[in-house]
Amino acid sequence: MDTVHASVIETDETNHLETNHLDRTRTGRLVTMWLAARFRHAVFKGVLAAGLLALLITAYGIGQLKAQSFNCHQAHHPDERTICHDPLLGRLDEELASMYRRLLLRLPKEEGEQLYKEEDAFVILRSRCGAQRACIEESYHRRIRELEEALGKHE
């Protein structure tokens, strides 16, 4: 009888160990699944945060794409402040600055110095417009036409 009893005890202990092992396995799977879900959630939140940050940077950049060739934080004159607050004038200013740089790269040194003086004269004339948007816009269109003609001659 002792043998049978010992056998039953081993079986009980074995069943108990098997049950205990299954509980640990189930618990381990649950913990693993929970950790995986938390990780996916954290990754999703990170991607979402990165996307939001990119959107904010883009939105800020678009706001800054008024594209003036000068720093608006240092704009003191009425014409400059008007250009900084008007997206069309900002784009015209950047277009003019781009054409100016392209032309300057194609000119011999002496002609480049003359172009620099002409650009200073343009800025002085533009400043006479004050905050009058139409006057500023017309001055840009006139100067851009002049630079287009000069670029055509030096291509």
N, C-alpha and C. Protein backbone atom coordinates (compact mmCIF):
# COMPACT_ATOMS: atom_id res chain seq x y z
N MET A 1 0.80 -1.16 0.00
CA MET A 1 0.00 0.00 0.00
C MET A 1 0.86 1.25 0.00
N ASP A 2 1.99 1.14 0.66
CA ASP A 2 2.87 2.30 0.66
C ASP A 2 3.31 2.66 -0.74
N THR A 3 3.50 1.66 -1.55
CA THR A 3 3.94 1.91 -2.91
C THR A 3 2.86 2.63 -3.69
N VAL A 4 1.65 2.19 -3.54
CA VAL A 4 0.54 2.82 -4.25
C VAL A 4 0.40 4.25 -3.78
N HIS A 5 0.46 4.43 -2.49
CA HIS A 5 0.32 5.77 -1.94
C HIS A 5 1.43 6.69 -2.45
N ALA A 6 2.64 6.17 -2.52
CA ALA A 6 3.76 6.95 -3.03
C ALA A 6 3.53 7.30 -4.48
N SER A 7 2.98 6.35 -5.22
CA SER A 7 2.71 6.58 -6.62
C SER A 7 1.66 7.67 -6.79
N VAL A 8 0.63 7.65 -5.98
CA VAL A 8 -0.43 8.66 -6.05
C VAL A 8 0.14 10.03 -5.72
N ILE A 9 1.00 10.07 -4.74
CA ILE A 9 1.61 11.33 -4.36
C ILE A 9 2.46 11.86 -5.51
N GLU A 10 3.24 10.97 -6.15
CA GLU A 10 4.04 11.43 -7.29
C GLU A 10 3.14 11.94 -8.40
N THR A 11 2.04 11.21 -8.63
CA THR A 11 1.13 11.64 -9.68
C THR A 11 0.53 12.99 -9.31
N ASP A 12 0.13 13.13 -8.05
CA ASP A 12 -0.41 14.41 -7.62
C ASP A 12 0.62 15.51 -7.77
N GLU A 13 1.86 15.20 -7.35
CA GLU A 13 2.91 16.20 -7.48
C GLU A 13 3.19 16.49 -8.94
N THR A 14 3.19 15.47 -9.77
CA THR A 14 3.42 15.66 -11.19
C THR A 14 2.29 16.48 -11.79
N ASN A 15 1.04 16.11 -11.46
CA ASN A 15 -0.11 16.90 -11.96
C ASN A 15 -0.03 18.32 -11.45
N HIS A 16 0.33 18.45 -10.19
CA HIS A 16 0.46 19.78 -9.61
C HIS A 16 1.55 20.55 -10.34
N LEU A 17 2.66 19.90 -10.61
CA LEU A 17 3.74 20.57 -11.34
C LEU A 17 3.30 20.90 -12.76
N GLU A 18 2.59 19.96 -13.40
CA GLU A 18 2.12 20.23 -14.76
C GLU A 18 1.15 21.39 -14.75
N THR A 19 0.23 21.41 -13.82
CA THR A 19 -0.73 22.50 -13.72
C THR A 19 0.00 23.80 -13.44
N ASN A 20 0.94 23.74 -12.53
CA ASN A 20 1.74 24.90 -12.20
C ASN A 20 2.51 25.38 -13.42
N HIS A 21 3.07 24.46 -14.19
CA HIS A 21 3.81 24.79 -15.40
C HIS A 21 2.88 25.45 -16.42
N LEU A 22 1.67 24.92 -16.58
CA LEU A 22 0.70 25.50 -17.51
C LEU A 22 0.31 26.90 -17.07
N ASP A 23 0.11 27.10 -15.77
CA ASP A 23 -0.24 28.43 -15.28
C ASP A 23 0.89 29.42 -15.60
N ARG A 24 2.11 28.99 -15.38
CA ARG A 24 3.24 29.87 -15.67
C ARG A 24 3.32 30.14 -17.16
N THR A 25 3.05 29.16 -17.98
CA THR A 25 3.10 29.35 -19.42
C THR A 25 2.01 30.31 -19.85
N ARG A 26 0.80 30.10 -19.36
CA ARG A 26 -0.30 31.01 -19.70
C ARG A 26 0.01 32.41 -19.22
N THR A 27 0.49 32.52 -18.01
CA THR A 27 0.84 33.82 -17.46
C THR A 27 1.96 34.45 -18.28
N GLY A 28 2.93 33.63 -18.66
CA GLY A 28 4.03 34.13 -19.47
C GLY A 28 3.54 34.64 -20.82
N ARG A 29 2.61 33.89 -21.43
CA ARG A 29 2.04 34.34 -22.71
C ARG A 29 1.27 35.63 -22.53
N LEU A 30 0.49 35.70 -21.46
CA LEU A 30 -0.28 36.91 -21.20
C LEU A 30 0.64 38.11 -20.99
N VAL A 31 1.69 37.90 -20.23
CA VAL A 31 2.64 38.99 -19.99
C VAL A 31 3.31 39.38 -21.30
N THR A 32 3.71 38.39 -22.08
CA THR A 32 4.35 38.67 -23.36
C THR A 32 3.40 39.42 -24.29
N MET A 33 2.14 38.95 -24.33
CA MET A 33 1.17 39.64 -25.18
C MET A 33 0.91 41.05 -24.68
N TRP A 34 0.83 41.22 -23.37
CA TRP A 34 0.61 42.55 -22.81
C TRP A 34 1.78 43.46 -23.14
N LEU A 35 3.02 42.93 -22.97
CA LEU A 35 4.21 43.74 -23.30
C LEU A 35 4.25 44.09 -24.78
N ALA A 36 3.89 43.14 -25.62
CA ALA A 36 3.87 43.41 -27.06
C ALA A 36 2.85 44.49 -27.40
N ALA A 37 1.69 44.41 -26.77
CA ALA A 37 0.65 45.43 -27.00
C ALA A 37 1.13 46.80 -26.51
N ARG A 38 1.75 46.84 -25.36
CA ARG A 38 2.28 48.10 -24.82
C ARG A 38 3.37 48.65 -25.76
N PHE A 39 4.21 47.77 -26.27
CA PHE A 39 5.26 48.20 -27.19
C PHE A 39 4.66 48.77 -28.46
N ARG A 40 3.67 48.07 -29.04
CA ARG A 40 3.01 48.58 -30.24
C ARG A 40 2.35 49.92 -29.96
N HIS A 41 1.74 50.04 -28.81
CA HIS A 41 1.10 51.30 -28.43
C HIS A 41 2.14 52.41 -28.30
N ALA A 42 3.26 52.09 -27.69
CA ALA A 42 4.33 53.09 -27.53
C ALA A 42 4.89 53.48 -28.89
N VAL A 43 5.09 52.51 -29.77
CA VAL A 43 5.58 52.80 -31.11
C VAL A 43 4.58 53.68 -31.85
N PHE A 44 3.31 53.32 -31.76
CA PHE A 44 2.26 54.11 -32.41
C PHE A 44 2.27 55.54 -31.90
N LYS A 45 2.37 55.70 -30.57
CA LYS A 45 2.41 57.04 -30.00
C LYS A 45 3.65 57.79 -30.47
N GLY A 46 4.77 57.08 -30.58
CA GLY A 46 6.00 57.72 -31.06
C GLY A 46 5.88 58.17 -32.50
N VAL A 47 5.32 57.29 -33.33
CA VAL A 47 5.12 57.64 -34.74
C VAL A 47 4.14 58.80 -34.85
N LEU A 48 3.09 58.75 -34.06
CA LEU A 48 2.10 59.82 -34.07
C LEU A 48 2.74 61.14 -33.63
N ALA A 49 3.54 61.08 -32.58
CA ALA A 49 4.21 62.29 -32.10
C ALA A 49 5.19 62.82 -33.14
N ALA A 50 5.93 61.92 -33.79
CA ALA A 50 6.87 62.34 -34.82
C ALA A 50 6.13 62.96 -36.01
N GLY A 51 5.01 62.37 -36.37
CA GLY A 51 4.20 62.93 -37.46
C GLY A 51 3.66 64.30 -37.11
N LEU A 52 3.19 64.44 -35.89
CA LEU A 52 2.68 65.73 -35.45
C LEU A 52 3.79 66.78 -35.43
N LEU A 53 4.95 66.39 -34.96
CA LEU A 53 6.09 67.30 -34.95
C LEU A 53 6.47 67.71 -36.36
N ALA A 54 6.49 66.76 -37.28
CA ALA A 54 6.80 67.08 -38.68
C ALA A 54 5.76 68.02 -39.26
N LEU A 55 4.50 67.80 -38.91
CA LEU A 55 3.43 68.67 -39.39
C LEU A 55 3.61 70.09 -38.84
N LEU A 56 3.93 70.19 -37.57
CA LEU A 56 4.13 71.51 -36.97
C LEU A 56 5.33 72.23 -37.59
N ILE A 57 6.41 71.49 -37.81
CA ILE A 57 7.60 72.09 -38.42
C ILE A 57 7.27 72.55 -39.83
N THR A 58 6.54 71.72 -40.56
CA THR A 58 6.14 72.09 -41.93
C THR A 58 5.24 73.32 -41.91
N ALA A 59 4.27 73.31 -41.00
CA ALA A 59 3.36 74.46 -40.92
C ALA A 59 4.13 75.72 -40.57
N TYR A 60 5.07 75.61 -39.63
CA TYR A 60 5.89 76.77 -39.28
C TYR A 60 6.72 77.20 -40.46
N GLY A 61 7.28 76.23 -41.17
CA GLY A 61 8.09 76.54 -42.35
C GLY A 61 7.28 77.20 -43.43
N ILE A 62 6.05 76.73 -43.64
CA ILE A 62 5.19 77.35 -44.65
C ILE A 62 4.88 78.77 -44.24
N GLY A 63 4.68 78.99 -42.95
CA GLY A 63 4.47 80.35 -42.47
C GLY A 63 5.68 81.23 -42.74
N GLN A 64 6.83 80.62 -42.70
CA GLN A 64 8.06 81.37 -42.96
C GLN A 64 8.36 81.48 -44.44
N LEU A 65 7.59 80.76 -45.29
CA LEU A 65 7.85 80.77 -46.72
C LEU A 65 7.34 82.03 -47.40
N LYS A 66 7.26 83.09 -46.66
CA LYS A 66 6.97 84.35 -47.30
C LYS A 66 8.17 84.70 -48.16
N ALA A 67 9.26 84.00 -47.91
CA ALA A 67 10.40 83.91 -48.81
C ALA A 67 11.14 85.21 -49.06
N GLN A 68 11.10 86.13 -48.16
CA GLN A 68 11.87 87.34 -48.38
C GLN A 68 13.36 87.05 -48.28
N SER A 69 14.13 87.86 -48.96
CA SER A 69 15.57 87.64 -49.01
C SER A 69 16.26 88.28 -47.81
N PHE A 70 15.50 88.84 -46.90
CA PHE A 70 16.08 89.47 -45.72
C PHE A 70 15.36 88.96 -44.48
N ASN A 71 15.94 89.19 -43.34
CA ASN A 71 15.39 88.71 -42.07
C ASN A 71 14.27 89.65 -41.61
N CYS A 72 13.07 89.13 -41.55
CA CYS A 72 11.92 89.95 -41.15
C CYS A 72 11.99 90.41 -39.70
N HIS A 73 12.75 89.71 -38.87
CA HIS A 73 12.90 90.14 -37.48
C HIS A 73 13.70 91.43 -37.40
N GLN A 74 14.43 91.72 -38.45
CA GLN A 74 15.23 92.95 -38.48
C GLN A 74 14.64 93.97 -39.45
N ALA A 75 13.41 93.77 -39.89
CA ALA A 75 12.75 94.69 -40.81
C ALA A 75 12.32 95.94 -40.04
N HIS A 76 12.92 97.07 -40.37
CA HIS A 76 12.62 98.32 -39.66
C HIS A 76 11.84 99.30 -40.53
N HIS A 77 12.03 99.21 -41.82
CA HIS A 77 11.42 100.17 -42.73
C HIS A 77 10.02 99.71 -43.13
N PRO A 78 9.13 100.66 -43.42
CA PRO A 78 7.75 100.30 -43.78
C PRO A 78 7.66 99.35 -44.98
N ASP A 79 8.49 99.56 -45.99
CA ASP A 79 8.44 98.66 -47.16
C ASP A 79 8.83 97.24 -46.77
N GLU A 80 9.83 97.10 -45.94
CA GLU A 80 10.28 95.77 -45.50
C GLU A 80 9.20 95.09 -44.66
N ARG A 81 8.57 95.82 -43.76
CA ARG A 81 7.50 95.22 -42.93
C ARG A 81 6.32 94.80 -43.80
N THR A 82 6.01 95.61 -44.82
CA THR A 82 4.92 95.26 -45.73
C THR A 82 5.26 93.98 -46.49
N ILE A 83 6.50 93.85 -46.94
CA ILE A 83 6.94 92.65 -47.66
C ILE A 83 6.85 91.43 -46.75
N CYS A 84 7.22 91.60 -45.51
CA CYS A 84 7.19 90.49 -44.56
C CYS A 84 5.77 90.02 -44.26
N HIS A 85 4.80 90.90 -44.36
CA HIS A 85 3.42 90.54 -44.04
C HIS A 85 2.59 90.18 -45.26
N ASP A 86 3.18 90.26 -46.43
CA ASP A 86 2.43 89.95 -47.65
C ASP A 86 3.11 88.81 -48.39
N PRO A 87 2.48 87.62 -48.45
CA PRO A 87 3.12 86.46 -49.09
C PRO A 87 3.51 86.70 -50.55
N LEU A 88 2.69 87.40 -51.30
CA LEU A 88 3.02 87.66 -52.71
C LEU A 88 4.28 88.52 -52.82
N LEU A 89 4.35 89.57 -52.03
CA LEU A 89 5.54 90.43 -52.07
C LEU A 89 6.77 89.66 -51.60
N GLY A 90 6.58 88.78 -50.62
CA GLY A 90 7.69 87.95 -50.15
C GLY A 90 8.22 87.05 -51.26
N ARG A 91 7.29 86.47 -52.02
CA ARG A 91 7.72 85.60 -53.14
C ARG A 91 8.40 86.41 -54.24
N LEU A 92 7.88 87.60 -54.50
CA LEU A 92 8.53 88.47 -55.50
C LEU A 92 9.94 88.83 -55.05
N ASP A 93 10.09 89.12 -53.77
CA ASP A 93 11.40 89.46 -53.25
C ASP A 93 12.37 88.29 -53.41
N GLU A 94 11.89 87.08 -53.11
CA GLU A 94 12.76 85.90 -53.26
C GLU A 94 13.07 85.63 -54.72
N GLU A 95 12.10 85.82 -55.59
CA GLU A 95 12.35 85.64 -57.03
C GLU A 95 13.41 86.62 -57.51
N LEU A 96 13.28 87.86 -57.08
CA LEU A 96 14.26 88.87 -57.46
C LEU A 96 15.64 88.51 -56.92
N ALA A 97 15.71 88.08 -55.67
CA ALA A 97 17.00 87.71 -55.07
C ALA A 97 17.62 86.53 -55.80
N SER A 98 16.81 85.57 -56.20
CA SER A 98 17.32 84.41 -56.94
C SER A 98 17.89 84.83 -58.30
N MET A 99 17.15 85.67 -59.00
CA MET A 99 17.62 86.15 -60.30
C MET A 99 18.90 86.96 -60.14
N TYR A 100 18.94 87.77 -59.11
CA TYR A 100 20.12 88.59 -58.83
C TYR A 100 21.35 87.69 -58.62
N ARG A 101 21.19 86.65 -57.81
CA ARG A 101 22.32 85.74 -57.55
C ARG A 101 22.77 85.04 -58.84
N ARG A 102 21.80 84.56 -59.63
CA ARG A 102 22.16 83.88 -60.89
C ARG A 102 22.92 84.82 -61.83
N LEU A 103 22.43 86.04 -61.94
CA LEU A 103 23.09 87.00 -62.81
C LEU A 103 24.46 87.36 -62.27
N LEU A 104 24.58 87.56 -60.99
CA LEU A 104 25.85 87.93 -60.38
C LEU A 104 26.92 86.87 -60.65
N LEU A 105 26.53 85.61 -60.64
CA LEU A 105 27.48 84.52 -60.90
C LEU A 105 27.97 84.50 -62.35
N ARG A 106 27.22 85.08 -63.26
CA ARG A 106 27.58 85.06 -64.69
C ARG A 106 28.37 86.29 -65.13
N LEU A 107 28.41 87.29 -64.29
CA LEU A 107 29.03 88.55 -64.69
C LEU A 107 30.50 88.61 -64.32
N PRO A 108 31.30 89.31 -65.13
CA PRO A 108 32.67 89.60 -64.71
C PRO A 108 32.64 90.50 -63.47
N LYS A 109 33.74 90.58 -62.78
CA LYS A 109 33.80 91.29 -61.50
C LYS A 109 33.32 92.74 -61.61
N GLU A 110 33.75 93.46 -62.63
CA GLU A 110 33.39 94.88 -62.76
C GLU A 110 31.88 95.03 -62.97
N GLU A 111 31.30 94.18 -63.80
CA GLU A 111 29.86 94.25 -64.04
C GLU A 111 29.09 93.81 -62.80
N GLY A 112 29.65 92.89 -62.05
CA GLY A 112 29.03 92.46 -60.80
C GLY A 112 28.97 93.60 -59.80
N GLU A 113 30.03 94.40 -59.75
CA GLU A 113 30.04 95.56 -58.86
C GLU A 113 28.98 96.57 -59.28
N GLN A 114 28.81 96.76 -60.59
CA GLN A 114 27.78 97.65 -61.10
C GLN A 114 26.39 97.13 -60.75
N LEU A 115 26.19 95.82 -60.89
CA LEU A 115 24.91 95.21 -60.54
C LEU A 115 24.60 95.42 -59.06
N TYR A 116 25.63 95.32 -58.23
CA TYR A 116 25.45 95.54 -56.79
C TYR A 116 24.97 96.96 -56.53
N LYS A 117 25.55 97.93 -57.21
CA LYS A 117 25.14 99.33 -57.06
C LYS A 117 23.70 99.53 -57.54
N GLU A 118 23.35 98.87 -58.63
CA GLU A 118 21.98 98.97 -59.15
C GLU A 118 20.98 98.36 -58.16
N GLU A 119 21.39 97.30 -57.51
CA GLU A 119 20.50 96.66 -56.54
C GLU A 119 20.30 97.57 -55.33
N ASP A 120 21.36 98.24 -54.91
CA ASP A 120 21.23 99.23 -53.82
C ASP A 120 20.27 100.34 -54.22
N ALA A 121 20.37 100.79 -55.46
CA ALA A 121 19.47 101.84 -55.96
C ALA A 121 18.04 101.34 -55.96
N PHE A 122 17.83 100.07 -56.35
CA PHE A 122 16.49 99.50 -56.33
C PHE A 122 15.92 99.51 -54.92
N VAL A 123 16.71 99.12 -53.94
CA VAL A 123 16.23 99.06 -52.55
C VAL A 123 15.86 100.47 -52.06
N ILE A 124 16.65 101.46 -52.45
CA ILE A 124 16.35 102.84 -52.06
C ILE A 124 15.04 103.30 -52.71
N LEU A 125 14.86 103.00 -54.00
CA LEU A 125 13.62 103.37 -54.68
C LEU A 125 12.42 102.64 -54.08
N ARG A 126 12.60 101.36 -53.79
CA ARG A 126 11.51 100.59 -53.18
C ARG A 126 11.14 101.16 -51.82
N SER A 127 12.12 101.62 -51.06
CA SER A 127 11.83 102.17 -49.73
C SER A 127 10.99 103.44 -49.82
N ARG A 128 11.07 104.14 -50.94
CA ARG A 128 10.24 105.35 -51.12
C ARG A 128 8.76 105.00 -51.22
N CYS A 129 8.45 103.75 -51.50
CA CYS A 129 7.05 103.31 -51.56
C CYS A 129 6.41 103.30 -50.18
N GLY A 130 7.23 103.26 -49.15
CA GLY A 130 6.69 103.16 -47.80
C GLY A 130 5.93 101.85 -47.66
N ALA A 131 4.74 101.92 -47.11
CA ALA A 131 3.92 100.72 -46.90
C ALA A 131 2.91 100.51 -48.02
N GLN A 132 3.05 101.24 -49.11
CA GLN A 132 2.09 101.12 -50.22
C GLN A 132 2.38 99.85 -51.02
N ARG A 133 1.51 98.87 -50.82
CA ARG A 133 1.71 97.55 -51.42
C ARG A 133 1.82 97.59 -52.93
N ALA A 134 0.92 98.32 -53.60
CA ALA A 134 0.91 98.37 -55.07
C ALA A 134 2.22 98.94 -55.60
N CYS A 135 2.72 99.95 -54.95
CA CYS A 135 3.99 100.57 -55.36
C CYS A 135 5.14 99.58 -55.22
N ILE A 136 5.16 98.87 -54.09
CA ILE A 136 6.23 97.88 -53.85
C ILE A 136 6.15 96.78 -54.91
N GLU A 137 4.94 96.28 -55.16
CA GLU A 137 4.77 95.22 -56.15
C GLU A 137 5.24 95.67 -57.53
N GLU A 138 4.87 96.87 -57.92
CA GLU A 138 5.29 97.39 -59.23
C GLU A 138 6.81 97.53 -59.31
N SER A 139 7.43 97.99 -58.23
CA SER A 139 8.89 98.12 -58.24
C SER A 139 9.56 96.75 -58.41
N TYR A 140 9.00 95.72 -57.79
CA TYR A 140 9.54 94.37 -57.96
C TYR A 140 9.37 93.88 -59.40
N HIS A 141 8.18 94.07 -59.95
CA HIS A 141 7.96 93.63 -61.34
C HIS A 141 8.92 94.33 -62.30
N ARG A 142 9.11 95.61 -62.10
CA ARG A 142 10.02 96.37 -62.96
C ARG A 142 11.45 95.84 -62.84
N ARG A 143 11.90 95.65 -61.60
CA ARG A 143 13.29 95.18 -61.38
C ARG A 143 13.46 93.75 -61.90
N ILE A 144 12.48 92.90 -61.73
CA ILE A 144 12.57 91.52 -62.23
C ILE A 144 12.68 91.53 -63.75
N ARG A 145 11.91 92.40 -64.43
CA ARG A 145 12.02 92.50 -65.89
C ARG A 145 13.42 92.93 -66.31
N GLU A 146 13.98 93.89 -65.58
CA GLU A 146 15.35 94.35 -65.88
C GLU A 146 16.35 93.20 -65.74
N LEU A 147 16.22 92.43 -64.67
CA LEU A 147 17.16 91.32 -64.45
C LEU A 147 16.94 90.20 -65.47
N GLU A 148 15.69 89.96 -65.86
CA GLU A 148 15.44 88.95 -66.90
C GLU A 148 16.13 89.34 -68.21
N GLU A 149 16.05 90.61 -68.57
CA GLU A 149 16.73 91.09 -69.78
C GLU A 149 18.23 90.89 -69.67
N ALA A 150 18.78 91.25 -68.51
CA ALA A 150 20.22 91.10 -68.31
C ALA A 150 20.63 89.63 -68.33
N LEU A 151 19.83 88.76 -67.76
CA LEU A 151 20.12 87.32 -67.78
C LEU A 151 20.10 86.80 -69.21
N GLY A 152 19.13 87.27 -70.01
CA GLY A 152 19.06 86.85 -71.41
C GLY A 152 20.31 87.23 -72.20
N LYS A 153 20.88 88.34 -71.86
CA LYS A 153 22.10 88.80 -72.56
C LYS A 153 23.34 87.99 -72.12
N HIS A 154 23.31 87.40 -70.92
CA HIS A 154 24.50 86.72 -70.39
C HIS A 154 24.35 85.20 -70.35
N GLU A 155 23.36 84.66 -71.05
CA GLU A 155 23.24 83.20 -71.07
C GLU A 155 23.96 82.60 -72.23
